[in-house]
Amino acid sequence: MLRLGNLLKQTALVATGVTVGAALWKSRSSATSTGRDTTGPLRQSIADLEARLADLETRETPPTAVIEHDSAQHARVETLSATVASLENTVVNLTSRYDGRLGQLETRVGNHEAKLKEVPTLSQVVTTMEELLSKTMGELDQRLTDQVRSIDVLKTTVSQSDELMERVLDSIYSLQSHVAENDKSEVPVHV
């Protein structure tokens, strides 16, 4: 009977461990779910363990059969304990992987957010473009104004040069006609 009591205690401990492990796994998986179901085998293993424990609890075996199968039951309990420990390790590993991945994603989101804050807004870009265009147009207007002044000065210079050339030509023509008249009055002498 003492062995039966120990077996029931061990079974109760295993059942408690499986229940706690399942509750921890469920709470952690709901907190870190990413839309993918990668824990299907884990859920199946937990369901199998729960079914085995329920089967062990509902069996009504006589005490003599328990004593005869004590070593087999002890092996099953050891197997269940190893399976629970393996499941707990798997849950811990998955949790640490998900936590690490979540940390990486948070870092990347923070980096992208910082980069987005550095990007100028559309209104800033438009304002800058308007300022550049206004400055360029002002410089172009100034250049055109300078060119118009230069052309006006050139026109004035050309008209003054034309007037001067006309006077010079008039003077030359009047001198030629005067020289031509003087040449006629002189009679060449032949010796």
N, C-alpha and C. Protein backbone atom coordinates (compact mmCIF):
# COMPACT_ATOMS: atom_id res chain seq x y z
N MET A 1 0.81 -1.19 0.00
CA MET A 1 0.00 0.00 0.00
C MET A 1 0.85 1.25 0.00
N LEU A 2 2.02 1.14 0.62
CA LEU A 2 2.92 2.29 0.67
C LEU A 2 3.39 2.67 -0.72
N ARG A 3 3.65 1.66 -1.50
CA ARG A 3 4.07 1.94 -2.89
C ARG A 3 2.92 2.58 -3.68
N LEU A 4 1.72 2.14 -3.44
CA LEU A 4 0.57 2.71 -4.12
C LEU A 4 0.42 4.19 -3.74
N GLY A 5 0.64 4.51 -2.51
CA GLY A 5 0.58 5.91 -2.06
C GLY A 5 1.67 6.74 -2.70
N ASN A 6 2.88 6.18 -2.78
CA ASN A 6 3.98 6.90 -3.45
C ASN A 6 3.68 7.10 -4.93
N LEU A 7 3.12 6.07 -5.54
CA LEU A 7 2.79 6.17 -6.97
C LEU A 7 1.74 7.26 -7.20
N LEU A 8 0.74 7.29 -6.33
CA LEU A 8 -0.29 8.32 -6.48
C LEU A 8 0.29 9.71 -6.25
N LYS A 9 1.21 9.85 -5.30
CA LYS A 9 1.85 11.14 -5.06
C LYS A 9 2.65 11.57 -6.28
N GLN A 10 3.41 10.64 -6.82
CA GLN A 10 4.23 10.97 -8.01
C GLN A 10 3.34 11.32 -9.20
N THR A 11 2.25 10.57 -9.35
CA THR A 11 1.31 10.86 -10.44
C THR A 11 0.70 12.25 -10.26
N ALA A 12 0.35 12.58 -9.03
CA ALA A 12 -0.21 13.90 -8.76
C ALA A 12 0.81 14.99 -9.05
N LEU A 13 2.06 14.76 -8.69
CA LEU A 13 3.11 15.74 -8.98
C LEU A 13 3.30 15.91 -10.49
N VAL A 14 3.30 14.81 -11.22
CA VAL A 14 3.45 14.89 -12.68
C VAL A 14 2.27 15.64 -13.29
N ALA A 15 1.08 15.31 -12.83
CA ALA A 15 -0.11 15.99 -13.36
C ALA A 15 -0.05 17.48 -13.05
N THR A 16 0.39 17.83 -11.85
CA THR A 16 0.52 19.24 -11.49
C THR A 16 1.56 19.92 -12.36
N GLY A 17 2.70 19.26 -12.57
CA GLY A 17 3.75 19.82 -13.43
C GLY A 17 3.27 20.03 -14.85
N VAL A 18 2.55 19.06 -15.39
CA VAL A 18 2.03 19.19 -16.76
C VAL A 18 1.03 20.33 -16.83
N THR A 19 0.17 20.44 -15.84
CA THR A 19 -0.83 21.52 -15.83
C THR A 19 -0.16 22.88 -15.75
N VAL A 20 0.82 23.01 -14.86
CA VAL A 20 1.54 24.28 -14.73
C VAL A 20 2.29 24.59 -16.02
N GLY A 21 2.94 23.57 -16.58
CA GLY A 21 3.66 23.78 -17.84
C GLY A 21 2.73 24.21 -18.97
N ALA A 22 1.57 23.56 -19.04
CA ALA A 22 0.60 23.92 -20.07
C ALA A 22 0.09 25.34 -19.87
N ALA A 23 -0.17 25.71 -18.61
CA ALA A 23 -0.65 27.07 -18.34
C ALA A 23 0.41 28.10 -18.69
N LEU A 24 1.66 27.83 -18.32
CA LEU A 24 2.74 28.76 -18.68
C LEU A 24 2.89 28.86 -20.18
N TRP A 25 2.85 27.74 -20.83
CA TRP A 25 3.01 27.74 -22.29
C TRP A 25 1.89 28.52 -22.95
N LYS A 26 0.65 28.31 -22.48
CA LYS A 26 -0.49 29.01 -23.06
C LYS A 26 -0.38 30.51 -22.86
N SER A 27 0.01 30.94 -21.66
CA SER A 27 0.11 32.38 -21.39
C SER A 27 1.23 33.00 -22.21
N ARG A 28 2.35 32.31 -22.33
CA ARG A 28 3.47 32.86 -23.09
C ARG A 28 3.19 32.84 -24.59
N SER A 29 2.53 31.80 -25.06
CA SER A 29 2.26 31.75 -26.50
C SER A 29 1.23 32.79 -26.90
N SER A 30 0.27 33.09 -26.04
CA SER A 30 -0.70 34.13 -26.37
C SER A 30 -0.06 35.51 -26.32
N ALA A 31 0.97 35.68 -25.49
CA ALA A 31 1.64 36.98 -25.38
C ALA A 31 2.59 37.21 -26.54
N THR A 32 3.10 36.14 -27.14
CA THR A 32 4.10 36.30 -28.20
C THR A 32 3.64 35.72 -29.52
N SER A 33 2.34 35.54 -29.71
CA SER A 33 1.88 34.93 -30.97
C SER A 33 2.17 35.85 -32.13
N THR A 34 2.61 35.25 -33.24
CA THR A 34 2.99 36.04 -34.40
C THR A 34 2.13 35.69 -35.61
N GLY A 35 1.10 34.92 -35.42
CA GLY A 35 0.25 34.57 -36.55
C GLY A 35 0.62 33.22 -37.13
N ARG A 36 1.72 32.61 -36.74
CA ARG A 36 2.12 31.31 -37.24
C ARG A 36 1.90 30.30 -36.11
N ASP A 37 1.51 29.07 -36.48
CA ASP A 37 1.33 28.02 -35.48
C ASP A 37 2.49 27.07 -35.58
N THR A 38 3.57 27.35 -34.83
CA THR A 38 4.74 26.48 -34.83
C THR A 38 4.76 25.60 -33.60
N THR A 39 3.71 25.63 -32.79
CA THR A 39 3.69 24.87 -31.55
C THR A 39 2.73 23.70 -31.65
N GLY A 40 2.34 23.28 -32.82
CA GLY A 40 1.43 22.16 -33.01
C GLY A 40 1.94 20.89 -32.37
N PRO A 41 3.19 20.46 -32.61
CA PRO A 41 3.69 19.24 -31.96
C PRO A 41 3.72 19.37 -30.44
N LEU A 42 4.00 20.55 -29.94
CA LEU A 42 4.03 20.77 -28.49
C LEU A 42 2.64 20.59 -27.91
N ARG A 43 1.64 21.13 -28.56
CA ARG A 43 0.26 20.97 -28.09
C ARG A 43 -0.16 19.51 -28.12
N GLN A 44 0.23 18.82 -29.18
CA GLN A 44 -0.12 17.40 -29.30
C GLN A 44 0.52 16.60 -28.17
N SER A 45 1.79 16.90 -27.85
CA SER A 45 2.48 16.18 -26.78
C SER A 45 1.81 16.44 -25.44
N ILE A 46 1.41 17.66 -25.20
CA ILE A 46 0.73 17.98 -23.93
C ILE A 46 -0.61 17.27 -23.86
N ALA A 47 -1.33 17.24 -24.97
CA ALA A 47 -2.62 16.55 -24.98
C ALA A 47 -2.43 15.05 -24.73
N ASP A 48 -1.39 14.47 -25.33
CA ASP A 48 -1.11 13.04 -25.09
C ASP A 48 -0.79 12.78 -23.63
N LEU A 49 0.04 13.66 -23.03
CA LEU A 49 0.37 13.49 -21.62
C LEU A 49 -0.87 13.60 -20.74
N GLU A 50 -1.71 14.57 -21.02
CA GLU A 50 -2.93 14.72 -20.24
C GLU A 50 -3.84 13.50 -20.38
N ALA A 51 -3.91 12.96 -21.59
CA ALA A 51 -4.73 11.77 -21.81
C ALA A 51 -4.16 10.58 -21.03
N ARG A 52 -2.84 10.44 -21.05
CA ARG A 52 -2.21 9.34 -20.29
C ARG A 52 -2.48 9.48 -18.79
N LEU A 53 -2.33 10.70 -18.30
CA LEU A 53 -2.58 10.92 -16.87
C LEU A 53 -4.03 10.66 -16.51
N ALA A 54 -4.94 11.10 -17.36
CA ALA A 54 -6.37 10.85 -17.10
C ALA A 54 -6.65 9.36 -17.12
N ASP A 55 -5.99 8.66 -18.04
CA ASP A 55 -6.16 7.22 -18.12
C ASP A 55 -5.63 6.55 -16.86
N LEU A 56 -4.46 7.01 -16.38
CA LEU A 56 -3.89 6.44 -15.16
C LEU A 56 -4.78 6.71 -13.95
N GLU A 57 -5.38 7.89 -13.90
CA GLU A 57 -6.22 8.23 -12.76
C GLU A 57 -7.53 7.45 -12.76
N THR A 58 -8.07 7.16 -13.93
CA THR A 58 -9.37 6.49 -13.99
C THR A 58 -9.28 4.97 -13.93
N ARG A 59 -8.14 4.42 -14.12
CA ARG A 59 -7.99 2.96 -14.05
C ARG A 59 -8.23 2.48 -12.63
N GLU A 60 -8.92 1.43 -12.58
CA GLU A 60 -9.14 0.82 -11.28
C GLU A 60 -8.42 -0.53 -11.28
N THR A 61 -7.21 -0.51 -10.77
CA THR A 61 -6.43 -1.75 -10.72
C THR A 61 -6.35 -2.22 -9.28
N PRO A 62 -6.41 -3.50 -9.06
CA PRO A 62 -6.29 -4.01 -7.69
C PRO A 62 -4.89 -3.80 -7.17
N PRO A 63 -4.71 -3.67 -5.87
CA PRO A 63 -3.40 -3.42 -5.28
C PRO A 63 -2.37 -4.47 -5.64
N THR A 64 -2.72 -5.68 -5.85
CA THR A 64 -1.74 -6.71 -6.20
C THR A 64 -1.19 -6.47 -7.58
N ALA A 65 -2.06 -6.01 -8.50
CA ALA A 65 -1.59 -5.73 -9.86
C ALA A 65 -0.66 -4.53 -9.85
N VAL A 66 -0.94 -3.58 -8.94
CA VAL A 66 -0.09 -2.40 -8.85
C VAL A 66 1.29 -2.82 -8.36
N ILE A 67 1.32 -3.71 -7.39
CA ILE A 67 2.61 -4.16 -6.87
C ILE A 67 3.38 -4.91 -7.94
N GLU A 68 2.66 -5.73 -8.74
CA GLU A 68 3.32 -6.51 -9.78
C GLU A 68 3.85 -5.58 -10.88
N HIS A 69 3.09 -4.57 -11.18
CA HIS A 69 3.49 -3.67 -12.27
C HIS A 69 4.16 -2.40 -11.75
N ASP A 70 4.65 -2.45 -10.53
CA ASP A 70 5.27 -1.28 -9.92
C ASP A 70 6.48 -0.81 -10.71
N SER A 71 7.31 -1.69 -11.16
CA SER A 71 8.49 -1.28 -11.92
C SER A 71 8.09 -0.69 -13.27
N ALA A 72 7.04 -1.22 -13.89
CA ALA A 72 6.56 -0.67 -15.16
C ALA A 72 5.98 0.72 -14.95
N GLN A 73 5.21 0.88 -13.85
CA GLN A 73 4.64 2.19 -13.54
C GLN A 73 5.74 3.19 -13.23
N HIS A 74 6.74 2.74 -12.49
CA HIS A 74 7.86 3.62 -12.17
C HIS A 74 8.57 4.07 -13.45
N ALA A 75 8.74 3.18 -14.40
CA ALA A 75 9.36 3.53 -15.69
C ALA A 75 8.50 4.53 -16.44
N ARG A 76 7.17 4.32 -16.39
CA ARG A 76 6.26 5.26 -17.06
C ARG A 76 6.34 6.65 -16.42
N VAL A 77 6.39 6.66 -15.10
CA VAL A 77 6.47 7.94 -14.39
C VAL A 77 7.77 8.63 -14.74
N GLU A 78 8.85 7.88 -14.79
CA GLU A 78 10.14 8.47 -15.18
C GLU A 78 10.08 9.00 -16.61
N THR A 79 9.45 8.24 -17.48
CA THR A 79 9.31 8.69 -18.87
C THR A 79 8.48 9.97 -18.94
N LEU A 80 7.40 9.99 -18.18
CA LEU A 80 6.55 11.18 -18.16
C LEU A 80 7.31 12.38 -17.58
N SER A 81 8.07 12.14 -16.55
CA SER A 81 8.85 13.23 -15.95
C SER A 81 9.88 13.76 -16.94
N ALA A 82 10.53 12.86 -17.66
CA ALA A 82 11.50 13.29 -18.67
C ALA A 82 10.81 14.06 -19.80
N THR A 83 9.63 13.59 -20.18
CA THR A 83 8.88 14.26 -21.24
C THR A 83 8.46 15.66 -20.81
N VAL A 84 8.00 15.78 -19.57
CA VAL A 84 7.59 17.09 -19.04
C VAL A 84 8.80 18.02 -18.99
N ALA A 85 9.94 17.52 -18.54
CA ALA A 85 11.14 18.36 -18.48
C ALA A 85 11.56 18.78 -19.88
N SER A 86 11.44 17.86 -20.83
CA SER A 86 11.76 18.21 -22.22
C SER A 86 10.82 19.28 -22.75
N LEU A 87 9.54 19.12 -22.43
CA LEU A 87 8.56 20.13 -22.87
C LEU A 87 8.83 21.48 -22.23
N GLU A 88 9.18 21.47 -20.96
CA GLU A 88 9.49 22.74 -20.29
C GLU A 88 10.71 23.40 -20.93
N ASN A 89 11.72 22.60 -21.26
CA ASN A 89 12.90 23.16 -21.94
C ASN A 89 12.52 23.72 -23.31
N THR A 90 11.66 23.01 -24.01
CA THR A 90 11.22 23.49 -25.33
C THR A 90 10.47 24.81 -25.20
N VAL A 91 9.60 24.88 -24.19
CA VAL A 91 8.85 26.12 -23.97
C VAL A 91 9.79 27.26 -23.63
N VAL A 92 10.77 27.01 -22.78
CA VAL A 92 11.73 28.05 -22.40
C VAL A 92 12.53 28.49 -23.63
N ASN A 93 12.97 27.52 -24.45
CA ASN A 93 13.73 27.87 -25.66
C ASN A 93 12.89 28.69 -26.62
N LEU A 94 11.64 28.26 -26.83
CA LEU A 94 10.76 29.01 -27.74
C LEU A 94 10.51 30.42 -27.20
N THR A 95 10.30 30.52 -25.91
CA THR A 95 10.05 31.84 -25.31
C THR A 95 11.27 32.75 -25.48
N SER A 96 12.45 32.19 -25.24
CA SER A 96 13.65 33.04 -25.40
C SER A 96 13.85 33.42 -26.86
N ARG A 97 13.57 32.51 -27.79
CA ARG A 97 13.68 32.85 -29.22
C ARG A 97 12.69 33.94 -29.60
N TYR A 98 11.45 33.79 -29.13
CA TYR A 98 10.44 34.80 -29.46
C TYR A 98 10.77 36.15 -28.82
N ASP A 99 11.27 36.11 -27.59
CA ASP A 99 11.66 37.36 -26.93
C ASP A 99 12.81 38.03 -27.68
N GLY A 100 13.80 37.25 -28.10
CA GLY A 100 14.92 37.80 -28.87
C GLY A 100 14.45 38.40 -30.19
N ARG A 101 13.59 37.67 -30.87
CA ARG A 101 13.08 38.16 -32.16
C ARG A 101 12.26 39.43 -31.96
N LEU A 102 11.45 39.45 -30.91
CA LEU A 102 10.65 40.64 -30.63
C LEU A 102 11.56 41.84 -30.33
N GLY A 103 12.64 41.60 -29.58
CA GLY A 103 13.60 42.68 -29.31
C GLY A 103 14.24 43.20 -30.58
N GLN A 104 14.58 42.28 -31.51
CA GLN A 104 15.16 42.70 -32.79
C GLN A 104 14.16 43.54 -33.57
N LEU A 105 12.91 43.10 -33.60
CA LEU A 105 11.88 43.84 -34.34
C LEU A 105 11.66 45.23 -33.72
N GLU A 106 11.65 45.31 -32.40
CA GLU A 106 11.48 46.61 -31.75
C GLU A 106 12.64 47.54 -32.09
N THR A 107 13.85 46.99 -32.12
CA THR A 107 15.02 47.80 -32.48
C THR A 107 14.90 48.30 -33.91
N ARG A 108 14.50 47.42 -34.82
CA ARG A 108 14.37 47.83 -36.22
C ARG A 108 13.28 48.88 -36.39
N VAL A 109 12.17 48.70 -35.69
CA VAL A 109 11.09 49.69 -35.78
C VAL A 109 11.58 51.03 -35.24
N GLY A 110 12.34 51.01 -34.15
CA GLY A 110 12.89 52.26 -33.60
C GLY A 110 13.83 52.93 -34.59
N ASN A 111 14.67 52.14 -35.26
CA ASN A 111 15.58 52.70 -36.27
C ASN A 111 14.81 53.32 -37.42
N HIS A 112 13.78 52.61 -37.89
CA HIS A 112 12.98 53.15 -38.99
C HIS A 112 12.24 54.42 -38.57
N GLU A 113 11.78 54.44 -37.35
CA GLU A 113 11.08 55.63 -36.85
C GLU A 113 12.02 56.82 -36.79
N ALA A 114 13.26 56.58 -36.35
CA ALA A 114 14.25 57.66 -36.29
C ALA A 114 14.56 58.17 -37.69
N LYS A 115 14.69 57.26 -38.65
CA LYS A 115 14.96 57.67 -40.03
C LYS A 115 13.78 58.47 -40.60
N LEU A 116 12.57 58.05 -40.27
CA LEU A 116 11.40 58.78 -40.77
C LEU A 116 11.31 60.19 -40.19
N LYS A 117 11.79 60.35 -38.95
CA LYS A 117 11.78 61.69 -38.36
C LYS A 117 12.77 62.61 -39.07
N GLU A 118 13.84 62.04 -39.64
CA GLU A 118 14.84 62.84 -40.33
C GLU A 118 14.39 63.25 -41.73
N VAL A 119 13.47 62.52 -42.32
CA VAL A 119 13.00 62.81 -43.67
C VAL A 119 12.12 64.06 -43.62
N PRO A 120 12.39 65.03 -44.52
CA PRO A 120 11.57 66.24 -44.50
C PRO A 120 10.15 65.94 -44.99
N THR A 121 9.24 66.74 -44.49
CA THR A 121 7.85 66.56 -44.89
C THR A 121 7.64 67.15 -46.28
N LEU A 122 6.50 66.84 -46.86
CA LEU A 122 6.18 67.33 -48.20
C LEU A 122 6.13 68.85 -48.22
N SER A 123 5.56 69.46 -47.19
CA SER A 123 5.48 70.92 -47.16
C SER A 123 6.87 71.55 -47.07
N GLN A 124 7.79 70.90 -46.32
CA GLN A 124 9.16 71.42 -46.25
C GLN A 124 9.85 71.32 -47.60
N VAL A 125 9.64 70.22 -48.31
CA VAL A 125 10.25 70.05 -49.63
C VAL A 125 9.69 71.08 -50.60
N VAL A 126 8.36 71.28 -50.57
CA VAL A 126 7.73 72.26 -51.46
C VAL A 126 8.23 73.66 -51.15
N THR A 127 8.33 74.00 -49.88
CA THR A 127 8.81 75.33 -49.48
C THR A 127 10.24 75.55 -49.97
N THR A 128 11.09 74.55 -49.79
CA THR A 128 12.48 74.65 -50.24
C THR A 128 12.54 74.81 -51.76
N MET A 129 11.74 74.04 -52.47
CA MET A 129 11.73 74.14 -53.93
C MET A 129 11.24 75.53 -54.39
N GLU A 130 10.21 76.05 -53.71
CA GLU A 130 9.72 77.38 -54.06
C GLU A 130 10.78 78.44 -53.81
N GLU A 131 11.51 78.32 -52.72
CA GLU A 131 12.58 79.28 -52.42
C GLU A 131 13.68 79.21 -53.48
N LEU A 132 14.08 78.00 -53.85
CA LEU A 132 15.11 77.85 -54.89
C LEU A 132 14.63 78.40 -56.22
N LEU A 133 13.38 78.11 -56.57
CA LEU A 133 12.83 78.60 -57.83
C LEU A 133 12.74 80.12 -57.82
N SER A 134 12.30 80.68 -56.70
CA SER A 134 12.20 82.13 -56.58
C SER A 134 13.58 82.78 -56.71
N LYS A 135 14.56 82.21 -56.07
CA LYS A 135 15.93 82.74 -56.14
C LYS A 135 16.46 82.66 -57.56
N THR A 136 16.24 81.51 -58.21
CA THR A 136 16.72 81.34 -59.59
C THR A 136 16.01 82.30 -60.53
N MET A 137 14.71 82.48 -60.35
CA MET A 137 13.96 83.41 -61.20
C MET A 137 14.44 84.85 -60.97
N GLY A 138 14.72 85.19 -59.71
CA GLY A 138 15.24 86.53 -59.42
C GLY A 138 16.58 86.76 -60.10
N GLU A 139 17.46 85.76 -60.05
CA GLU A 139 18.76 85.88 -60.71
C GLU A 139 18.59 85.99 -62.22
N LEU A 140 17.67 85.23 -62.78
CA LEU A 140 17.41 85.29 -64.22
C LEU A 140 16.86 86.66 -64.61
N ASP A 141 15.92 87.18 -63.81
CA ASP A 141 15.38 88.52 -64.08
C ASP A 141 16.50 89.56 -64.03
N GLN A 142 17.39 89.47 -63.06
CA GLN A 142 18.49 90.42 -62.96
C GLN A 142 19.39 90.33 -64.19
N ARG A 143 19.69 89.12 -64.63
CA ARG A 143 20.53 88.94 -65.82
C ARG A 143 19.86 89.53 -67.06
N LEU A 144 18.55 89.27 -67.19
CA LEU A 144 17.84 89.81 -68.35
C LEU A 144 17.82 91.34 -68.30
N THR A 145 17.62 91.90 -67.12
CA THR A 145 17.63 93.36 -66.98
C THR A 145 19.01 93.91 -67.36
N ASP A 146 20.06 93.25 -66.91
CA ASP A 146 21.42 93.68 -67.27
C ASP A 146 21.64 93.57 -68.78
N GLN A 147 21.12 92.53 -69.39
CA GLN A 147 21.28 92.36 -70.84
C GLN A 147 20.52 93.45 -71.59
N VAL A 148 19.32 93.80 -71.11
CA VAL A 148 18.54 94.87 -71.76
C VAL A 148 19.30 96.18 -71.66
N ARG A 149 19.88 96.46 -70.49
CA ARG A 149 20.67 97.69 -70.35
C ARG A 149 21.86 97.68 -71.30
N SER A 150 22.54 96.54 -71.38
CA SER A 150 23.70 96.44 -72.28
C SER A 150 23.28 96.66 -73.73
N ILE A 151 22.15 96.10 -74.11
CA ILE A 151 21.66 96.29 -75.49
C ILE A 151 21.31 97.75 -75.73
N ASP A 152 20.66 98.40 -74.76
CA ASP A 152 20.32 99.83 -74.92
C ASP A 152 21.59 100.66 -75.06
N VAL A 153 22.60 100.38 -74.22
CA VAL A 153 23.86 101.12 -74.30
C VAL A 153 24.50 100.88 -75.66
N LEU A 154 24.47 99.65 -76.12
CA LEU A 154 25.04 99.31 -77.43
C LEU A 154 24.31 100.05 -78.56
N LYS A 155 22.97 100.09 -78.48
CA LYS A 155 22.20 100.82 -79.49
C LYS A 155 22.58 102.30 -79.50
N THR A 156 22.68 102.86 -78.27
CA THR A 156 23.05 104.28 -78.18
C THR A 156 24.44 104.49 -78.76
N THR A 157 25.36 103.63 -78.43
CA THR A 157 26.73 103.74 -78.93
C THR A 157 26.75 103.61 -80.45
N VAL A 158 26.00 102.67 -80.98
CA VAL A 158 25.96 102.48 -82.44
C VAL A 158 25.37 103.70 -83.12
N SER A 159 24.29 104.28 -82.56
CA SER A 159 23.69 105.46 -83.19
C SER A 159 24.64 106.65 -83.12
N GLN A 160 25.35 106.78 -81.98
CA GLN A 160 26.33 107.87 -81.88
C GLN A 160 27.47 107.65 -82.86
N SER A 161 27.90 106.41 -83.02
CA SER A 161 28.97 106.11 -83.98
C SER A 161 28.50 106.42 -85.40
N ASP A 162 27.25 106.08 -85.70
CA ASP A 162 26.71 106.37 -87.03
C ASP A 162 26.68 107.88 -87.29
N GLU A 163 26.24 108.65 -86.30
CA GLU A 163 26.20 110.11 -86.46
C GLU A 163 27.61 110.66 -86.67
N LEU A 164 28.54 110.17 -85.88
CA LEU A 164 29.92 110.62 -86.01
C LEU A 164 30.48 110.27 -87.39
N MET A 165 30.19 109.06 -87.85
CA MET A 165 30.66 108.65 -89.18
C MET A 165 30.03 109.53 -90.26
N GLU A 166 28.78 109.88 -90.11
CA GLU A 166 28.14 110.76 -91.09
C GLU A 166 28.83 112.12 -91.11
N ARG A 167 29.13 112.66 -89.96
CA ARG A 167 29.82 113.96 -89.90
C ARG A 167 31.20 113.87 -90.53
N VAL A 168 31.91 112.77 -90.19
CA VAL A 168 33.25 112.62 -90.75
C VAL A 168 33.15 112.52 -92.27
N LEU A 169 32.22 111.73 -92.74
CA LEU A 169 32.06 111.59 -94.20
C LEU A 169 31.65 112.92 -94.84
N ASP A 170 30.75 113.61 -94.17
CA ASP A 170 30.35 114.93 -94.70
C ASP A 170 31.57 115.85 -94.76
N SER A 171 32.37 115.83 -93.74
CA SER A 171 33.56 116.68 -93.73
C SER A 171 34.51 116.28 -94.84
N ILE A 172 34.68 114.98 -95.03
CA ILE A 172 35.57 114.50 -96.09
C ILE A 172 35.03 114.92 -97.45
N TYR A 173 33.75 114.77 -97.67
CA TYR A 173 33.17 115.16 -98.96
C TYR A 173 33.29 116.67 -99.18
N SER A 174 33.08 117.45 -98.12
CA SER A 174 33.19 118.89 -98.29
C SER A 174 34.64 119.28 -98.56
N LEU A 175 35.59 118.63 -97.94
CA LEU A 175 37.00 118.89 -98.20
C LEU A 175 37.37 118.49 -99.62
N GLN A 176 36.88 117.39 -100.06
CA GLN A 176 37.19 116.93 -101.42
C GLN A 176 36.64 117.94 -102.44
N SER A 177 35.44 118.39 -102.19
CA SER A 177 34.88 119.35 -103.14
C SER A 177 35.63 120.67 -103.06
N HIS A 178 36.07 121.05 -101.91
CA HIS A 178 36.85 122.26 -101.76
C HIS A 178 38.21 122.09 -102.42
N VAL A 179 38.83 120.98 -102.26
CA VAL A 179 40.12 120.72 -102.86
C VAL A 179 39.94 120.65 -104.37
N ALA A 180 38.92 120.09 -104.83
CA ALA A 180 38.68 119.98 -106.27
C ALA A 180 38.48 121.37 -106.86
N GLU A 181 37.84 122.26 -106.17
CA GLU A 181 37.66 123.60 -106.68
C GLU A 181 38.99 124.35 -106.67
N ASN A 182 39.79 124.18 -105.73
CA ASN A 182 41.09 124.82 -105.66
C ASN A 182 42.02 124.27 -106.74
N ASP A 183 41.93 123.08 -107.07
CA ASP A 183 42.77 122.49 -108.09
C ASP A 183 42.42 123.08 -109.46
N LYS A 184 41.23 123.45 -109.72
CA LYS A 184 40.83 123.99 -111.00
C LYS A 184 41.35 125.41 -111.18
N SER A 185 41.48 126.14 -110.15
CA SER A 185 41.93 127.52 -110.26
C SER A 185 43.41 127.59 -110.56
N GLU A 186 44.12 126.67 -110.20
CA GLU A 186 45.54 126.68 -110.48
C GLU A 186 45.74 126.09 -111.84
N VAL A 187 46.54 126.76 -112.55
CA VAL A 187 46.84 126.30 -113.91
C VAL A 187 48.21 125.71 -113.87
N PRO A 188 48.35 124.61 -114.37
CA PRO A 188 49.68 124.01 -114.34
C PRO A 188 50.58 124.70 -115.37
N VAL A 189 51.70 124.83 -114.96
CA VAL A 189 52.69 125.50 -115.83
C VAL A 189 53.57 124.42 -116.41
N HIS A 190 53.80 124.66 -117.76
CA HIS A 190 54.64 123.66 -118.45
C HIS A 190 55.92 124.31 -118.87
N VAL A 191 56.85 123.81 -118.63
CA VAL A 191 58.10 124.41 -119.08
C VAL A 191 58.75 123.59 -120.13
